[in-house]
Amino acid sequence: MQQLNSAETTALLEVFRICLINTILDKQQVIAWADKQIEQEAEPPYFIIELALSGSKNINDTISILHNLVGENKPQVAGRAVLGYLHQRYTSDSLSLQQVATTIYWLGLHGEFSPEEHHFMHWIDTEYDLAVDGYGSIAEAASQIVRFTALYKDFNLANAPRWQEINNTIPKAVQSFYQKFKPW
């Protein structure tokens, strides 16, 4: 496993925090990541040890630890990495459409994205809510979600050292997608 630098670690911790808040990642996965870091480092940072020992804490305590580690300046790449994680988990039938739609809604409220990305997140949320209420097709809402999250499919939890490189390709992909699929 490639060593993470400080910015990459911060982004990964923020992804963990977002995923725990939205219940799309199990706390034990975060603990397993911390355990692996401890095995690989002669002198792991204290926060890694704190995360590894958070098994007896409730989920909110773990989220709070992650929040304190990341700080107030949330890396933009983290929200995009979560969208990639959503795509992978949904297309492998590991998450429900409701979980994905709810997380996209949360990201739209709390994440750092371009205006076009925010627009699509709002549109997807509206399409999903209308479909659930019987004013549209669940299958079409699912299709829109897959199309949108596919823009982020190259992000995954195992390739954090490549996230910034992948992130640099996103604005152009979003613009192209926006021109092709803008919902009006």
N, C-alpha and C. Protein backbone atom coordinates (compact mmCIF):
# COMPACT_ATOMS: atom_id res chain seq x y z
N MET A 1 0.84 -1.18 0.00
CA MET A 1 0.00 0.00 0.00
C MET A 1 0.88 1.24 0.00
N GLN A 2 0.52 2.19 -0.84
CA GLN A 2 1.28 3.42 -0.95
C GLN A 2 1.05 4.30 0.29
N GLN A 3 2.09 4.97 0.73
CA GLN A 3 2.00 5.84 1.89
C GLN A 3 1.18 7.08 1.54
N LEU A 4 0.32 7.51 2.44
CA LEU A 4 -0.50 8.70 2.23
C LEU A 4 0.23 9.93 2.76
N ASN A 5 0.09 11.05 2.04
CA ASN A 5 0.62 12.30 2.58
C ASN A 5 -0.48 12.97 3.40
N SER A 6 -0.18 14.08 4.00
CA SER A 6 -1.11 14.74 4.90
C SER A 6 -2.42 15.12 4.22
N ALA A 7 -2.36 15.71 3.03
CA ALA A 7 -3.58 16.11 2.32
C ALA A 7 -4.42 14.89 1.94
N GLU A 8 -3.76 13.82 1.52
CA GLU A 8 -4.48 12.59 1.17
C GLU A 8 -5.13 11.97 2.39
N THR A 9 -4.41 11.98 3.51
CA THR A 9 -4.96 11.43 4.74
C THR A 9 -6.16 12.24 5.19
N THR A 10 -6.06 13.56 5.13
CA THR A 10 -7.17 14.42 5.51
C THR A 10 -8.39 14.13 4.64
N ALA A 11 -8.18 14.01 3.34
CA ALA A 11 -9.30 13.71 2.43
C ALA A 11 -9.92 12.36 2.74
N LEU A 12 -9.09 11.35 2.99
CA LEU A 12 -9.61 10.03 3.31
C LEU A 12 -10.38 10.03 4.62
N LEU A 13 -9.88 10.74 5.62
CA LEU A 13 -10.59 10.84 6.89
C LEU A 13 -11.94 11.53 6.71
N GLU A 14 -11.98 12.53 5.85
CA GLU A 14 -13.25 13.22 5.57
C GLU A 14 -14.22 12.28 4.84
N VAL A 15 -13.72 11.46 3.94
CA VAL A 15 -14.58 10.47 3.28
C VAL A 15 -15.14 9.51 4.33
N PHE A 16 -14.30 9.04 5.23
CA PHE A 16 -14.78 8.17 6.31
C PHE A 16 -15.88 8.87 7.11
N ARG A 17 -15.67 10.14 7.44
CA ARG A 17 -16.64 10.90 8.24
C ARG A 17 -17.97 11.01 7.50
N ILE A 18 -17.93 11.40 6.24
CA ILE A 18 -19.15 11.54 5.45
C ILE A 18 -19.87 10.20 5.35
N CYS A 19 -19.12 9.16 5.09
CA CYS A 19 -19.73 7.83 4.93
C CYS A 19 -20.33 7.32 6.24
N LEU A 20 -19.69 7.60 7.36
CA LEU A 20 -20.25 7.19 8.65
C LEU A 20 -21.52 8.00 8.96
N ILE A 21 -21.50 9.29 8.69
CA ILE A 21 -22.69 10.12 8.92
C ILE A 21 -23.87 9.58 8.12
N ASN A 22 -23.61 9.16 6.91
CA ASN A 22 -24.67 8.71 6.01
C ASN A 22 -24.91 7.20 6.07
N THR A 23 -24.27 6.54 7.00
CA THR A 23 -24.40 5.09 7.26
C THR A 23 -24.19 4.24 6.01
N ILE A 24 -23.19 4.62 5.22
CA ILE A 24 -22.86 3.83 4.03
C ILE A 24 -21.50 3.13 4.18
N LEU A 25 -20.91 3.28 5.34
CA LEU A 25 -19.65 2.62 5.67
C LEU A 25 -19.75 2.21 7.13
N ASP A 26 -19.28 1.04 7.43
CA ASP A 26 -19.31 0.53 8.81
C ASP A 26 -18.09 1.06 9.56
N LYS A 27 -18.29 1.41 10.82
CA LYS A 27 -17.20 1.91 11.66
C LYS A 27 -16.05 0.91 11.71
N GLN A 28 -16.35 -0.38 11.64
CA GLN A 28 -15.31 -1.40 11.69
C GLN A 28 -14.35 -1.29 10.49
N GLN A 29 -14.84 -0.77 9.37
CA GLN A 29 -13.96 -0.56 8.21
C GLN A 29 -12.95 0.54 8.49
N VAL A 30 -13.37 1.56 9.20
CA VAL A 30 -12.45 2.65 9.57
C VAL A 30 -11.42 2.12 10.57
N ILE A 31 -11.88 1.33 11.51
CA ILE A 31 -10.97 0.74 12.51
C ILE A 31 -9.98 -0.20 11.82
N ALA A 32 -10.45 -0.98 10.86
CA ALA A 32 -9.55 -1.89 10.12
C ALA A 32 -8.50 -1.09 9.36
N TRP A 33 -8.90 0.05 8.77
CA TRP A 33 -7.94 0.91 8.07
C TRP A 33 -6.88 1.40 9.06
N ALA A 34 -7.32 1.87 10.23
CA ALA A 34 -6.39 2.38 11.24
C ALA A 34 -5.45 1.26 11.71
N ASP A 35 -6.00 0.06 11.93
CA ASP A 35 -5.17 -1.08 12.34
C ASP A 35 -4.09 -1.36 11.30
N LYS A 36 -4.47 -1.29 10.03
CA LYS A 36 -3.50 -1.54 8.95
C LYS A 36 -2.39 -0.49 8.93
N GLN A 37 -2.78 0.77 9.20
CA GLN A 37 -1.78 1.84 9.26
C GLN A 37 -0.79 1.59 10.41
N ILE A 38 -1.31 1.13 11.54
CA ILE A 38 -0.45 0.84 12.70
C ILE A 38 0.54 -0.28 12.37
N GLU A 39 0.06 -1.30 11.66
CA GLU A 39 0.94 -2.41 11.27
C GLU A 39 2.05 -1.95 10.34
N GLN A 40 1.78 -0.95 9.52
CA GLN A 40 2.74 -0.52 8.49
C GLN A 40 3.70 0.57 8.96
N GLU A 41 3.40 1.22 10.06
CA GLU A 41 4.23 2.34 10.50
C GLU A 41 4.93 2.00 11.82
N ALA A 42 6.20 2.33 11.89
CA ALA A 42 6.96 2.08 13.12
C ALA A 42 6.42 2.93 14.27
N GLU A 43 6.11 4.18 13.98
CA GLU A 43 5.56 5.08 14.98
C GLU A 43 4.35 5.79 14.39
N PRO A 44 3.18 5.14 14.43
CA PRO A 44 1.99 5.77 13.84
C PRO A 44 1.57 7.00 14.63
N PRO A 45 0.98 7.97 13.94
CA PRO A 45 0.48 9.16 14.63
C PRO A 45 -0.59 8.78 15.66
N TYR A 46 -0.72 9.60 16.68
CA TYR A 46 -1.66 9.31 17.76
C TYR A 46 -3.08 9.15 17.23
N PHE A 47 -3.49 9.98 16.26
CA PHE A 47 -4.87 9.91 15.79
C PHE A 47 -5.19 8.55 15.17
N ILE A 48 -4.20 7.90 14.58
CA ILE A 48 -4.42 6.57 14.01
C ILE A 48 -4.72 5.58 15.15
N ILE A 49 -3.95 5.69 16.22
CA ILE A 49 -4.17 4.83 17.39
C ILE A 49 -5.55 5.11 17.99
N GLU A 50 -5.91 6.40 18.08
CA GLU A 50 -7.22 6.78 18.62
C GLU A 50 -8.35 6.17 17.78
N LEU A 51 -8.21 6.21 16.46
CA LEU A 51 -9.23 5.60 15.59
C LEU A 51 -9.26 4.08 15.78
N ALA A 52 -8.09 3.48 15.87
CA ALA A 52 -8.03 2.02 16.03
C ALA A 52 -8.70 1.57 17.33
N LEU A 53 -8.64 2.42 18.33
CA LEU A 53 -9.22 2.07 19.63
C LEU A 53 -10.66 2.57 19.80
N SER A 54 -11.26 3.06 18.74
CA SER A 54 -12.60 3.65 18.86
C SER A 54 -13.73 2.62 18.77
N GLY A 55 -13.39 1.35 18.74
CA GLY A 55 -14.40 0.30 18.63
C GLY A 55 -15.43 0.31 19.73
N SER A 56 -15.05 0.68 20.93
CA SER A 56 -16.00 0.69 22.05
C SER A 56 -16.78 2.00 22.13
N LYS A 57 -16.42 2.95 21.31
CA LYS A 57 -17.12 4.24 21.32
C LYS A 57 -18.33 4.15 20.39
N ASN A 58 -19.30 5.03 20.64
CA ASN A 58 -20.44 5.03 19.73
C ASN A 58 -20.05 5.74 18.42
N ILE A 59 -20.87 5.57 17.43
CA ILE A 59 -20.57 6.09 16.09
C ILE A 59 -20.39 7.60 16.10
N ASN A 60 -21.17 8.31 16.91
CA ASN A 60 -21.05 9.76 16.96
C ASN A 60 -19.71 10.20 17.52
N ASP A 61 -19.17 9.45 18.46
CA ASP A 61 -17.84 9.77 18.99
C ASP A 61 -16.77 9.60 17.91
N THR A 62 -16.91 8.55 17.11
CA THR A 62 -15.95 8.32 16.02
C THR A 62 -16.07 9.42 14.97
N ILE A 63 -17.29 9.81 14.64
CA ILE A 63 -17.50 10.91 13.69
C ILE A 63 -16.89 12.19 14.24
N SER A 64 -17.03 12.43 15.53
CA SER A 64 -16.47 13.61 16.16
C SER A 64 -14.94 13.60 16.11
N ILE A 65 -14.34 12.44 16.35
CA ILE A 65 -12.88 12.31 16.23
C ILE A 65 -12.45 12.68 14.82
N LEU A 66 -13.15 12.14 13.83
CA LEU A 66 -12.80 12.43 12.43
C LEU A 66 -12.99 13.91 12.11
N HIS A 67 -14.08 14.48 12.59
CA HIS A 67 -14.34 15.92 12.37
C HIS A 67 -13.20 16.76 12.93
N ASN A 68 -12.78 16.44 14.16
CA ASN A 68 -11.69 17.20 14.79
C ASN A 68 -10.37 17.03 14.03
N LEU A 69 -10.15 15.86 13.46
CA LEU A 69 -8.92 15.62 12.71
C LEU A 69 -8.92 16.39 11.38
N VAL A 70 -10.06 16.41 10.72
CA VAL A 70 -10.15 17.07 9.41
C VAL A 70 -10.16 18.58 9.57
N GLY A 71 -10.85 19.09 10.58
CA GLY A 71 -10.96 20.53 10.78
C GLY A 71 -12.09 21.11 9.96
N GLU A 72 -12.13 22.41 9.89
CA GLU A 72 -13.23 23.11 9.22
C GLU A 72 -13.06 23.19 7.70
N ASN A 73 -11.84 23.15 7.21
CA ASN A 73 -11.59 23.24 5.77
C ASN A 73 -11.65 21.86 5.15
N LYS A 74 -12.82 21.51 4.67
CA LYS A 74 -13.05 20.18 4.10
C LYS A 74 -12.51 20.12 2.67
N PRO A 75 -11.72 19.09 2.36
CA PRO A 75 -11.18 18.99 0.99
C PRO A 75 -12.29 18.66 -0.02
N GLN A 76 -12.34 19.41 -1.10
CA GLN A 76 -13.35 19.20 -2.14
C GLN A 76 -13.30 17.77 -2.68
N VAL A 77 -12.13 17.24 -2.81
CA VAL A 77 -11.96 15.92 -3.38
C VAL A 77 -12.71 14.85 -2.58
N ALA A 78 -12.92 15.08 -1.30
CA ALA A 78 -13.58 14.08 -0.45
C ALA A 78 -15.01 13.83 -0.91
N GLY A 79 -15.77 14.88 -1.19
CA GLY A 79 -17.14 14.70 -1.66
C GLY A 79 -17.20 13.96 -2.98
N ARG A 80 -16.27 14.27 -3.85
CA ARG A 80 -16.22 13.58 -5.13
C ARG A 80 -15.83 12.12 -4.95
N ALA A 81 -14.94 11.85 -4.01
CA ALA A 81 -14.57 10.45 -3.74
C ALA A 81 -15.77 9.69 -3.17
N VAL A 82 -16.59 10.35 -2.37
CA VAL A 82 -17.80 9.69 -1.85
C VAL A 82 -18.75 9.37 -3.00
N LEU A 83 -18.86 10.26 -3.98
CA LEU A 83 -19.72 9.97 -5.14
C LEU A 83 -19.20 8.74 -5.89
N GLY A 84 -17.88 8.60 -6.00
CA GLY A 84 -17.31 7.40 -6.62
C GLY A 84 -17.61 6.16 -5.80
N TYR A 85 -17.51 6.29 -4.48
CA TYR A 85 -17.83 5.18 -3.58
C TYR A 85 -19.30 4.78 -3.72
N LEU A 86 -20.17 5.78 -3.81
CA LEU A 86 -21.60 5.50 -4.01
C LEU A 86 -21.83 4.74 -5.31
N HIS A 87 -21.15 5.17 -6.36
CA HIS A 87 -21.31 4.51 -7.66
C HIS A 87 -20.90 3.04 -7.57
N GLN A 88 -19.75 2.80 -6.99
CA GLN A 88 -19.26 1.42 -6.88
C GLN A 88 -20.19 0.56 -6.04
N ARG A 89 -20.61 1.09 -4.92
CA ARG A 89 -21.46 0.31 -4.01
C ARG A 89 -22.86 0.08 -4.60
N TYR A 90 -23.41 1.09 -5.28
CA TYR A 90 -24.76 0.92 -5.84
C TYR A 90 -24.73 -0.04 -7.03
N THR A 91 -23.75 0.12 -7.90
CA THR A 91 -23.70 -0.74 -9.10
C THR A 91 -23.31 -2.17 -8.76
N SER A 92 -22.79 -2.39 -7.55
CA SER A 92 -22.50 -3.76 -7.12
C SER A 92 -23.59 -4.28 -6.18
N ASP A 93 -24.72 -3.57 -6.12
CA ASP A 93 -25.87 -3.94 -5.28
C ASP A 93 -25.54 -3.99 -3.79
N SER A 94 -24.60 -3.16 -3.35
CA SER A 94 -24.24 -3.11 -1.93
C SER A 94 -24.95 -1.99 -1.18
N LEU A 95 -25.56 -1.06 -1.92
CA LEU A 95 -26.34 0.03 -1.33
C LEU A 95 -27.67 0.12 -2.05
N SER A 96 -28.68 0.55 -1.33
CA SER A 96 -29.99 0.76 -1.95
C SER A 96 -30.02 2.10 -2.67
N LEU A 97 -30.97 2.24 -3.56
CA LEU A 97 -31.16 3.52 -4.25
C LEU A 97 -31.47 4.62 -3.24
N GLN A 98 -32.25 4.31 -2.24
CA GLN A 98 -32.59 5.29 -1.22
C GLN A 98 -31.33 5.77 -0.49
N GLN A 99 -30.43 4.86 -0.12
CA GLN A 99 -29.19 5.25 0.55
C GLN A 99 -28.35 6.18 -0.33
N VAL A 100 -28.28 5.84 -1.62
CA VAL A 100 -27.49 6.66 -2.54
C VAL A 100 -28.13 8.03 -2.71
N ALA A 101 -29.44 8.06 -2.94
CA ALA A 101 -30.13 9.34 -3.13
C ALA A 101 -30.03 10.23 -1.89
N THR A 102 -30.18 9.62 -0.73
CA THR A 102 -30.09 10.37 0.53
C THR A 102 -28.69 10.94 0.73
N THR A 103 -27.68 10.16 0.40
CA THR A 103 -26.30 10.64 0.54
C THR A 103 -26.00 11.75 -0.46
N ILE A 104 -26.49 11.62 -1.68
CA ILE A 104 -26.30 12.69 -2.68
C ILE A 104 -26.96 13.98 -2.18
N TYR A 105 -28.16 13.85 -1.62
CA TYR A 105 -28.84 15.02 -1.06
C TYR A 105 -27.97 15.66 0.03
N TRP A 106 -27.44 14.83 0.96
CA TRP A 106 -26.60 15.33 2.04
C TRP A 106 -25.36 16.03 1.46
N LEU A 107 -24.73 15.41 0.47
CA LEU A 107 -23.54 16.01 -0.15
C LEU A 107 -23.89 17.35 -0.79
N GLY A 108 -25.06 17.43 -1.41
CA GLY A 108 -25.49 18.69 -2.03
C GLY A 108 -25.63 19.80 -1.00
N LEU A 109 -26.04 19.46 0.20
CA LEU A 109 -26.18 20.45 1.27
C LEU A 109 -24.85 20.81 1.92
N HIS A 110 -23.96 19.83 2.06
CA HIS A 110 -22.77 20.02 2.88
C HIS A 110 -21.44 19.98 2.12
N GLY A 111 -21.45 19.55 0.88
CA GLY A 111 -20.20 19.35 0.15
C GLY A 111 -19.77 20.55 -0.66
N GLU A 112 -18.50 20.54 -1.02
CA GLU A 112 -17.91 21.57 -1.87
C GLU A 112 -17.88 21.06 -3.31
N PHE A 113 -18.77 21.59 -4.13
CA PHE A 113 -18.88 21.15 -5.52
C PHE A 113 -19.07 22.37 -6.41
N SER A 114 -18.90 22.15 -7.71
CA SER A 114 -19.14 23.23 -8.67
C SER A 114 -20.64 23.51 -8.75
N PRO A 115 -21.02 24.67 -9.28
CA PRO A 115 -22.45 24.96 -9.44
C PRO A 115 -23.17 23.89 -10.27
N GLU A 116 -22.50 23.38 -11.29
CA GLU A 116 -23.11 22.35 -12.13
C GLU A 116 -23.35 21.06 -11.33
N GLU A 117 -22.38 20.70 -10.51
CA GLU A 117 -22.55 19.50 -9.69
C GLU A 117 -23.69 19.69 -8.70
N HIS A 118 -23.75 20.85 -8.07
CA HIS A 118 -24.85 21.13 -7.14
C HIS A 118 -26.19 21.06 -7.88
N HIS A 119 -26.23 21.60 -9.07
CA HIS A 119 -27.45 21.58 -9.87
C HIS A 119 -27.91 20.14 -10.11
N PHE A 120 -26.99 19.29 -10.53
CA PHE A 120 -27.35 17.90 -10.78
C PHE A 120 -27.76 17.18 -9.50
N MET A 121 -27.09 17.47 -8.40
CA MET A 121 -27.47 16.83 -7.14
C MET A 121 -28.90 17.21 -6.76
N HIS A 122 -29.24 18.48 -6.91
CA HIS A 122 -30.59 18.94 -6.61
C HIS A 122 -31.60 18.28 -7.55
N TRP A 123 -31.26 18.24 -8.81
CA TRP A 123 -32.15 17.65 -9.81
C TRP A 123 -32.37 16.17 -9.53
N ILE A 124 -31.30 15.46 -9.23
CA ILE A 124 -31.40 14.03 -8.92
C ILE A 124 -32.27 13.81 -7.69
N ASP A 125 -32.07 14.63 -6.68
CA ASP A 125 -32.88 14.51 -5.46
C ASP A 125 -34.36 14.74 -5.78
N THR A 126 -34.65 15.74 -6.56
CA THR A 126 -36.03 16.04 -6.94
C THR A 126 -36.63 14.90 -7.75
N GLU A 127 -35.88 14.41 -8.73
CA GLU A 127 -36.36 13.30 -9.56
C GLU A 127 -36.64 12.06 -8.71
N TYR A 128 -35.76 11.76 -7.78
CA TYR A 128 -35.94 10.60 -6.91
C TYR A 128 -37.17 10.79 -6.02
N ASP A 129 -37.30 11.96 -5.38
CA ASP A 129 -38.44 12.21 -4.51
C ASP A 129 -39.76 12.13 -5.28
N LEU A 130 -39.81 12.70 -6.47
CA LEU A 130 -41.02 12.64 -7.28
C LEU A 130 -41.35 11.19 -7.65
N ALA A 131 -40.34 10.42 -8.00
CA ALA A 131 -40.57 9.02 -8.36
C ALA A 131 -41.10 8.22 -7.17
N VAL A 132 -40.53 8.46 -6.00
CA VAL A 132 -40.99 7.78 -4.80
C VAL A 132 -42.45 8.13 -4.51
N ASP A 133 -42.81 9.38 -4.78
CA ASP A 133 -44.19 9.82 -4.55
C ASP A 133 -45.14 9.44 -5.68
N GLY A 134 -44.65 8.71 -6.68
CA GLY A 134 -45.49 8.24 -7.77
C GLY A 134 -45.59 9.17 -8.96
N TYR A 135 -44.76 10.20 -9.02
CA TYR A 135 -44.80 11.16 -10.12
C TYR A 135 -43.62 11.02 -11.07
N GLY A 136 -43.17 9.83 -11.22
CA GLY A 136 -42.04 9.56 -12.10
C GLY A 136 -41.65 8.11 -11.97
N SER A 137 -40.59 7.77 -12.64
CA SER A 137 -40.14 6.39 -12.68
C SER A 137 -38.92 6.21 -11.77
N ILE A 138 -39.02 5.24 -10.87
CA ILE A 138 -37.87 4.89 -10.02
C ILE A 138 -36.71 4.44 -10.90
N ALA A 139 -37.02 3.68 -11.94
CA ALA A 139 -35.97 3.20 -12.85
C ALA A 139 -35.25 4.37 -13.52
N GLU A 140 -35.99 5.40 -13.92
CA GLU A 140 -35.37 6.57 -14.55
C GLU A 140 -34.53 7.34 -13.53
N ALA A 141 -35.03 7.48 -12.30
CA ALA A 141 -34.25 8.14 -11.25
C ALA A 141 -32.96 7.37 -11.00
N ALA A 142 -33.06 6.05 -10.95
CA ALA A 142 -31.86 5.21 -10.75
C ALA A 142 -30.88 5.39 -11.90
N SER A 143 -31.40 5.45 -13.10
CA SER A 143 -30.55 5.64 -14.28
C SER A 143 -29.81 6.98 -14.21
N GLN A 144 -30.51 8.03 -13.79
CA GLN A 144 -29.88 9.36 -13.67
C GLN A 144 -28.79 9.35 -12.60
N ILE A 145 -29.06 8.66 -11.51
CA ILE A 145 -28.07 8.57 -10.43
C ILE A 145 -26.83 7.83 -10.91
N VAL A 146 -27.01 6.73 -11.61
CA VAL A 146 -25.86 5.96 -12.11
C VAL A 146 -25.08 6.80 -13.11
N ARG A 147 -25.79 7.48 -14.00
CA ARG A 147 -25.11 8.33 -15.00
C ARG A 147 -24.27 9.40 -14.33
N PHE A 148 -24.85 10.06 -13.33
CA PHE A 148 -24.14 11.14 -12.65
C PHE A 148 -22.96 10.60 -11.84
N THR A 149 -23.19 9.58 -11.03
CA THR A 149 -22.10 9.07 -10.18
C THR A 149 -21.00 8.40 -10.99
N ALA A 150 -21.30 7.96 -12.21
CA ALA A 150 -20.28 7.35 -13.07
C ALA A 150 -19.16 8.33 -13.39
N LEU A 151 -19.44 9.62 -13.32
CA LEU A 151 -18.39 10.62 -13.54
C LEU A 151 -17.26 10.46 -12.52
N TYR A 152 -17.57 9.87 -11.38
CA TYR A 152 -16.64 9.78 -10.25
C TYR A 152 -16.15 8.35 -10.02
N LYS A 153 -16.44 7.45 -10.93
CA LYS A 153 -16.18 6.02 -10.73
C LYS A 153 -14.71 5.68 -10.52
N ASP A 154 -13.79 6.52 -10.94
CA ASP A 154 -12.37 6.23 -10.77
C ASP A 154 -11.88 6.42 -9.33
N PHE A 155 -12.67 7.12 -8.51
CA PHE A 155 -12.33 7.26 -7.09
C PHE A 155 -12.71 5.98 -6.36
N ASN A 156 -11.83 5.51 -5.49
CA ASN A 156 -12.20 4.43 -4.57
C ASN A 156 -11.35 4.57 -3.32
N LEU A 157 -11.74 3.87 -2.28
CA LEU A 157 -11.05 4.03 -1.00
C LEU A 157 -9.61 3.55 -1.04
N ALA A 158 -9.28 2.70 -1.99
CA ALA A 158 -7.93 2.13 -2.06
C ALA A 158 -6.96 2.99 -2.87
N ASN A 159 -7.46 4.00 -3.59
CA ASN A 159 -6.54 4.78 -4.43
C ASN A 159 -6.45 6.25 -4.02
N ALA A 160 -6.53 6.53 -2.74
CA ALA A 160 -6.45 7.91 -2.25
C ALA A 160 -5.23 8.67 -2.76
N PRO A 161 -4.07 8.04 -2.93
CA PRO A 161 -2.93 8.80 -3.48
C PRO A 161 -3.18 9.34 -4.90
N ARG A 162 -4.16 8.79 -5.60
CA ARG A 162 -4.47 9.25 -6.97
C ARG A 162 -5.65 10.22 -7.01
N TRP A 163 -6.27 10.49 -5.87
CA TRP A 163 -7.49 11.30 -5.87
C TRP A 163 -7.30 12.67 -6.48
N GLN A 164 -6.21 13.35 -6.17
CA GLN A 164 -6.04 14.69 -6.73
C GLN A 164 -5.89 14.63 -8.25
N GLU A 165 -5.16 13.65 -8.73
CA GLU A 165 -5.02 13.46 -10.19
C GLU A 165 -6.39 13.21 -10.82
N ILE A 166 -7.18 12.34 -10.23
CA ILE A 166 -8.53 12.06 -10.74
C ILE A 166 -9.39 13.31 -10.63
N ASN A 167 -9.29 14.00 -9.51
CA ASN A 167 -10.08 15.21 -9.29
C ASN A 167 -9.83 16.26 -10.37
N ASN A 168 -8.61 16.33 -10.86
CA ASN A 168 -8.28 17.31 -11.89
C ASN A 168 -9.02 17.05 -13.20
N THR A 169 -9.50 15.82 -13.41
CA THR A 169 -10.23 15.50 -14.65
C THR A 169 -11.74 15.77 -14.52
N ILE A 170 -12.21 15.97 -13.31
CA ILE A 170 -13.65 16.07 -13.06
C ILE A 170 -14.29 17.33 -13.67
N PRO A 171 -13.72 18.52 -13.52
CA PRO A 171 -14.42 19.70 -14.07
C PRO A 171 -14.76 19.56 -15.56
N LYS A 172 -13.84 19.05 -16.34
CA LYS A 172 -14.11 18.88 -17.77
C LYS A 172 -15.21 17.83 -18.00
N ALA A 173 -15.14 16.73 -17.25
CA ALA A 173 -16.16 15.68 -17.39
C ALA A 173 -17.53 16.20 -16.98
N VAL A 174 -17.58 16.99 -15.92
CA VAL A 174 -18.85 17.56 -15.46
C VAL A 174 -19.41 18.52 -16.50
N GLN A 175 -18.56 19.36 -17.06
CA GLN A 175 -19.02 20.31 -18.09
C GLN A 175 -19.60 19.58 -19.30
N SER A 176 -18.90 18.55 -19.73
CA SER A 176 -19.38 17.75 -20.86
C SER A 176 -20.71 17.09 -20.53
N PHE A 177 -20.80 16.52 -19.35
CA PHE A 177 -22.04 15.87 -18.89
C PHE A 177 -23.16 16.90 -18.81
N TYR A 178 -22.85 18.06 -18.28
CA TYR A 178 -23.84 19.14 -18.11
C TYR A 178 -24.40 19.56 -19.46
N GLN A 179 -23.54 19.71 -20.44
CA GLN A 179 -24.01 20.12 -21.78
C GLN A 179 -24.88 19.03 -22.41
N LYS A 180 -24.56 17.79 -22.13
CA LYS A 180 -25.29 16.68 -22.73
C LYS A 180 -26.61 16.38 -22.03
N PHE A 181 -26.63 16.49 -20.69
CA PHE A 181 -27.79 16.03 -19.93
C PHE A 181 -28.48 17.10 -19.10
N LYS A 182 -28.18 18.36 -19.32
CA LYS A 182 -28.84 19.35 -18.46
C LYS A 182 -30.36 19.17 -18.55
N PRO A 183 -31.00 19.22 -17.41
CA PRO A 183 -32.40 18.80 -17.34
C PRO A 183 -33.43 19.85 -17.73
N TRP A 184 -33.17 20.63 -18.73
CA TRP A 184 -34.20 21.55 -19.20
C TRP A 184 -34.21 21.64 -20.69
